[in-house]
Amino acid sequence: MKPTFKPTIIALVGNSGTGKTHLSNFLKQRLGIPVIVSYTTRPRRENEKDGRDYYFIREEQIPPLQQMLTYTQYGGCEYFARLDQVPRMGRCVYVLDERGLLSLKEKYRERFDIVSVLVCSTPETLQARGIPAGRISRDTERLGLPDSFYDAVIENNGTLADFEERALHIINQFG
């Protein structure tokens, strides 16, 4: 009997400004791992590009739940990814929130290998990066999961090179 290999989703979770999006793009560029781009009903921010940061859609464009990989509401807006965005084999990276991660693990742990990674930074680091105080305080509304819930925790309080090196070491441990 041949072993069957499930697609692996590297699920990146963390507060605003911790480096989740940078890490997903870095893994795509450095290791060739495709990135799942979420859909959202929230307005586009300055410097965001449709199809790169999110697919910006209207509410009437939301597909049925059975076509979704994950779905969540945050800040009065809807966020989701489609099942057909997951490659049939290999790895992909997906940036999502804690509720999305819980849903993903609950619904699809038999279908996909899910590697959960918390990306974190201290409040002082976030302030030094210029993350607006409103976004930092809004993150206190997020569902907090203990670090032990995650397969890996990557701290991002130093240089970008240190963060990328730590991330590569950790991600490569998961195949």
Protein backbone atom coordinates (compact mmCIF):
# COMPACT_ATOMS: atom_id res chain seq x y z
CA MET A 1 0.00 0.00 0.00
CA LYS A 2 1.42 3.39 -1.03
CA PRO A 3 1.63 6.11 1.60
CA THR A 4 -0.67 9.04 0.86
CA PHE A 5 0.62 12.52 1.31
CA LYS A 6 -1.75 15.29 2.23
CA PRO A 7 -1.13 18.90 1.26
CA THR A 8 0.47 20.89 4.08
CA ILE A 9 -0.89 24.28 5.10
CA ILE A 10 1.59 26.43 7.03
CA ALA A 11 -0.87 28.58 8.99
CA LEU A 12 0.66 31.88 10.17
CA VAL A 13 -1.12 33.67 13.03
CA GLY A 14 -0.18 36.82 14.91
CA ASN A 15 -1.11 40.37 15.80
CA SER A 16 -0.90 43.31 13.41
CA GLY A 17 2.65 44.23 12.47
CA THR A 18 4.36 41.08 13.72
CA GLY A 19 5.58 40.09 10.25
CA LYS A 20 3.10 37.43 9.11
CA THR A 21 2.68 38.85 5.62
CA HIS A 22 6.39 39.50 5.25
CA LEU A 23 7.08 35.92 6.30
CA SER A 24 4.55 34.49 3.84
CA ASN A 25 6.10 36.49 0.98
CA PHE A 26 9.61 35.53 2.11
CA LEU A 27 8.72 31.81 2.13
CA LYS A 28 7.23 32.18 -1.34
CA GLN A 29 10.31 33.95 -2.68
CA ARG A 30 12.95 31.91 -0.84
CA LEU A 31 11.42 28.42 -0.84
CA GLY A 32 8.84 28.68 -3.63
CA ILE A 33 5.95 27.91 -1.28
CA PRO A 34 2.69 29.28 -2.72
CA VAL A 35 0.66 31.68 -0.60
CA ILE A 36 -3.10 31.53 -0.16
CA VAL A 37 -4.45 35.06 -0.57
CA SER A 38 -7.61 35.65 1.48
CA TYR A 39 -10.76 37.33 0.27
CA THR A 40 -12.20 40.21 2.31
CA THR A 41 -15.08 42.64 2.30
CA ARG A 42 -13.04 45.30 4.10
CA PRO A 43 -11.89 48.39 2.22
CA ARG A 44 -8.45 48.32 0.69
CA ARG A 45 -5.76 50.17 2.66
CA GLU A 46 -3.23 52.47 1.06
CA ASN A 47 -0.46 50.46 -0.68
CA GLU A 48 -2.55 47.25 -0.76
CA LYS A 49 -3.00 45.57 -4.11
CA ASP A 50 -5.94 43.37 -5.10
CA GLY A 51 -4.79 39.78 -5.54
CA ARG A 52 -1.52 40.35 -3.69
CA ASP A 53 -2.64 41.40 -0.20
CA TYR A 54 -6.27 40.27 -0.40
CA TYR A 55 -8.96 39.81 -2.99
CA PHE A 56 -11.23 42.73 -2.19
CA ILE A 57 -14.84 41.80 -2.86
CA ARG A 58 -18.41 42.88 -2.15
CA GLU A 59 -20.66 40.86 0.18
CA GLU A 60 -22.73 39.52 -2.71
CA GLN A 61 -19.58 37.84 -4.09
CA ILE A 62 -19.12 35.59 -1.04
CA PRO A 63 -19.42 31.90 -2.03
CA PRO A 64 -21.33 29.25 -0.06
CA LEU A 65 -19.63 28.07 3.15
CA GLN A 66 -19.01 24.57 1.74
CA GLN A 67 -16.64 26.12 -0.83
CA MET A 68 -14.60 27.83 1.90
CA LEU A 69 -11.43 26.69 3.58
CA THR A 70 -11.99 29.18 6.40
CA TYR A 71 -14.36 32.01 7.21
CA THR A 72 -14.25 34.65 9.92
CA GLN A 73 -15.55 38.08 10.75
CA TYR A 74 -13.24 40.67 12.25
CA GLY A 75 -13.70 44.39 12.70
CA GLY A 76 -17.11 44.23 11.00
CA CYS A 77 -15.65 42.72 7.82
CA GLU A 78 -15.61 39.21 6.42
CA TYR A 79 -12.50 37.20 5.58
CA PHE A 80 -12.23 33.79 3.96
CA ALA A 81 -10.23 31.53 1.69
CA ARG A 82 -11.59 29.06 -0.81
CA LEU A 83 -10.89 25.32 -0.68
CA ASP A 84 -9.75 25.37 -4.31
CA GLN A 85 -6.86 27.66 -3.34
CA VAL A 86 -5.04 24.81 -1.57
CA PRO A 87 -2.65 23.00 -3.92
CA ARG A 88 -3.35 19.30 -4.47
CA MET A 89 0.10 18.40 -3.15
CA GLY A 90 3.05 20.04 -1.44
CA ARG A 91 3.00 23.01 0.92
CA CYS A 92 1.30 26.37 0.97
CA VAL A 93 1.30 29.31 3.39
CA TYR A 94 -1.84 30.89 4.74
CA VAL A 95 -2.07 33.98 6.99
CA LEU A 96 -5.18 33.87 9.16
CA ASP A 97 -6.48 34.73 12.61
CA GLU A 98 -6.95 32.47 15.62
CA ARG A 99 -10.62 31.74 14.90
CA GLY A 100 -9.74 30.79 11.34
CA LEU A 101 -7.01 28.48 12.61
CA LEU A 102 -9.38 26.76 15.03
CA SER A 103 -11.94 26.29 12.25
CA LEU A 104 -9.28 25.02 9.84
CA LYS A 105 -8.04 22.43 12.34
CA GLU A 106 -11.54 21.38 13.30
CA LYS A 107 -12.88 20.99 9.76
CA TYR A 108 -9.87 19.86 7.75
CA ARG A 109 -7.30 18.11 9.94
CA GLU A 110 -8.05 14.83 8.13
CA ARG A 111 -7.71 16.38 4.66
CA PHE A 112 -4.63 18.57 5.20
CA ASP A 113 -1.51 18.57 7.38
CA ILE A 114 -1.77 21.85 9.25
CA VAL A 115 1.36 23.40 10.76
CA SER A 116 0.33 26.27 13.04
CA VAL A 117 2.90 29.03 13.57
CA LEU A 118 2.51 31.99 15.90
CA VAL A 119 4.48 35.08 14.83
CA CYS A 120 4.86 37.50 17.73
CA SER A 121 6.48 40.80 18.64
CA THR A 122 6.52 42.85 21.84
CA PRO A 123 4.28 45.93 22.05
CA GLU A 124 7.45 48.06 22.15
CA THR A 125 8.65 46.55 18.89
CA LEU A 126 5.26 47.13 17.25
CA GLN A 127 5.25 50.76 18.38
CA ALA A 128 8.79 51.22 17.05
CA ARG A 129 7.61 49.84 13.68
CA GLY A 130 4.96 52.54 13.56
CA ILE A 131 1.96 50.24 13.92
CA PRO A 132 -0.95 52.55 14.79
CA ALA A 133 -2.06 52.39 18.43
CA GLY A 134 -5.62 51.64 17.27
CA ARG A 135 -4.51 48.49 15.48
CA ILE A 136 -2.43 47.39 18.47
CA SER A 137 -5.32 47.93 20.89
CA ARG A 138 -7.81 46.29 18.48
CA ASP A 139 -5.71 43.14 18.65
CA THR A 140 -6.63 42.79 22.34
CA GLU A 141 -10.08 41.73 21.03
CA ARG A 142 -8.54 38.73 19.27
CA LEU A 143 -9.07 35.24 20.56
CA GLY A 144 -5.94 34.46 22.52
CA LEU A 145 -4.59 30.93 22.22
CA PRO A 146 -1.73 29.75 24.43
CA ASP A 147 1.69 29.44 22.80
CA SER A 148 1.51 25.69 23.49
CA PHE A 149 -1.41 25.43 21.03
CA TYR A 150 0.97 26.20 18.14
CA ASP A 151 3.42 23.85 16.48
CA ALA A 152 5.99 26.67 16.49
CA VAL A 153 6.43 30.22 17.79
CA ILE A 154 8.65 32.69 15.92
CA GLU A 155 9.57 35.89 17.73
CA ASN A 156 10.20 38.95 15.57
CA ASN A 157 11.78 41.60 17.76
CA GLY A 158 15.23 41.91 16.19
CA THR A 159 16.56 42.41 12.72
CA LEU A 160 14.75 41.25 9.62
CA ALA A 161 17.67 38.94 8.77
CA ASP A 162 17.45 37.27 12.20
CA PHE A 163 13.69 36.82 11.83
CA GLU A 164 14.03 35.29 8.36
CA GLU A 165 16.84 32.96 9.49
CA ARG A 166 14.83 31.76 12.52
CA ALA A 167 11.75 31.28 10.35
CA LEU A 168 13.63 29.23 7.73
CA HIS A 169 15.08 27.00 10.42
CA ILE A 170 11.68 26.40 11.99
CA ILE A 171 9.69 25.97 8.76
CA ASN A 172 12.25 23.55 7.34
CA GLN A 173 11.78 21.32 10.40
CA PHE A 174 8.24 20.63 9.16
CA GLY A 175 9.31 19.33 5.74
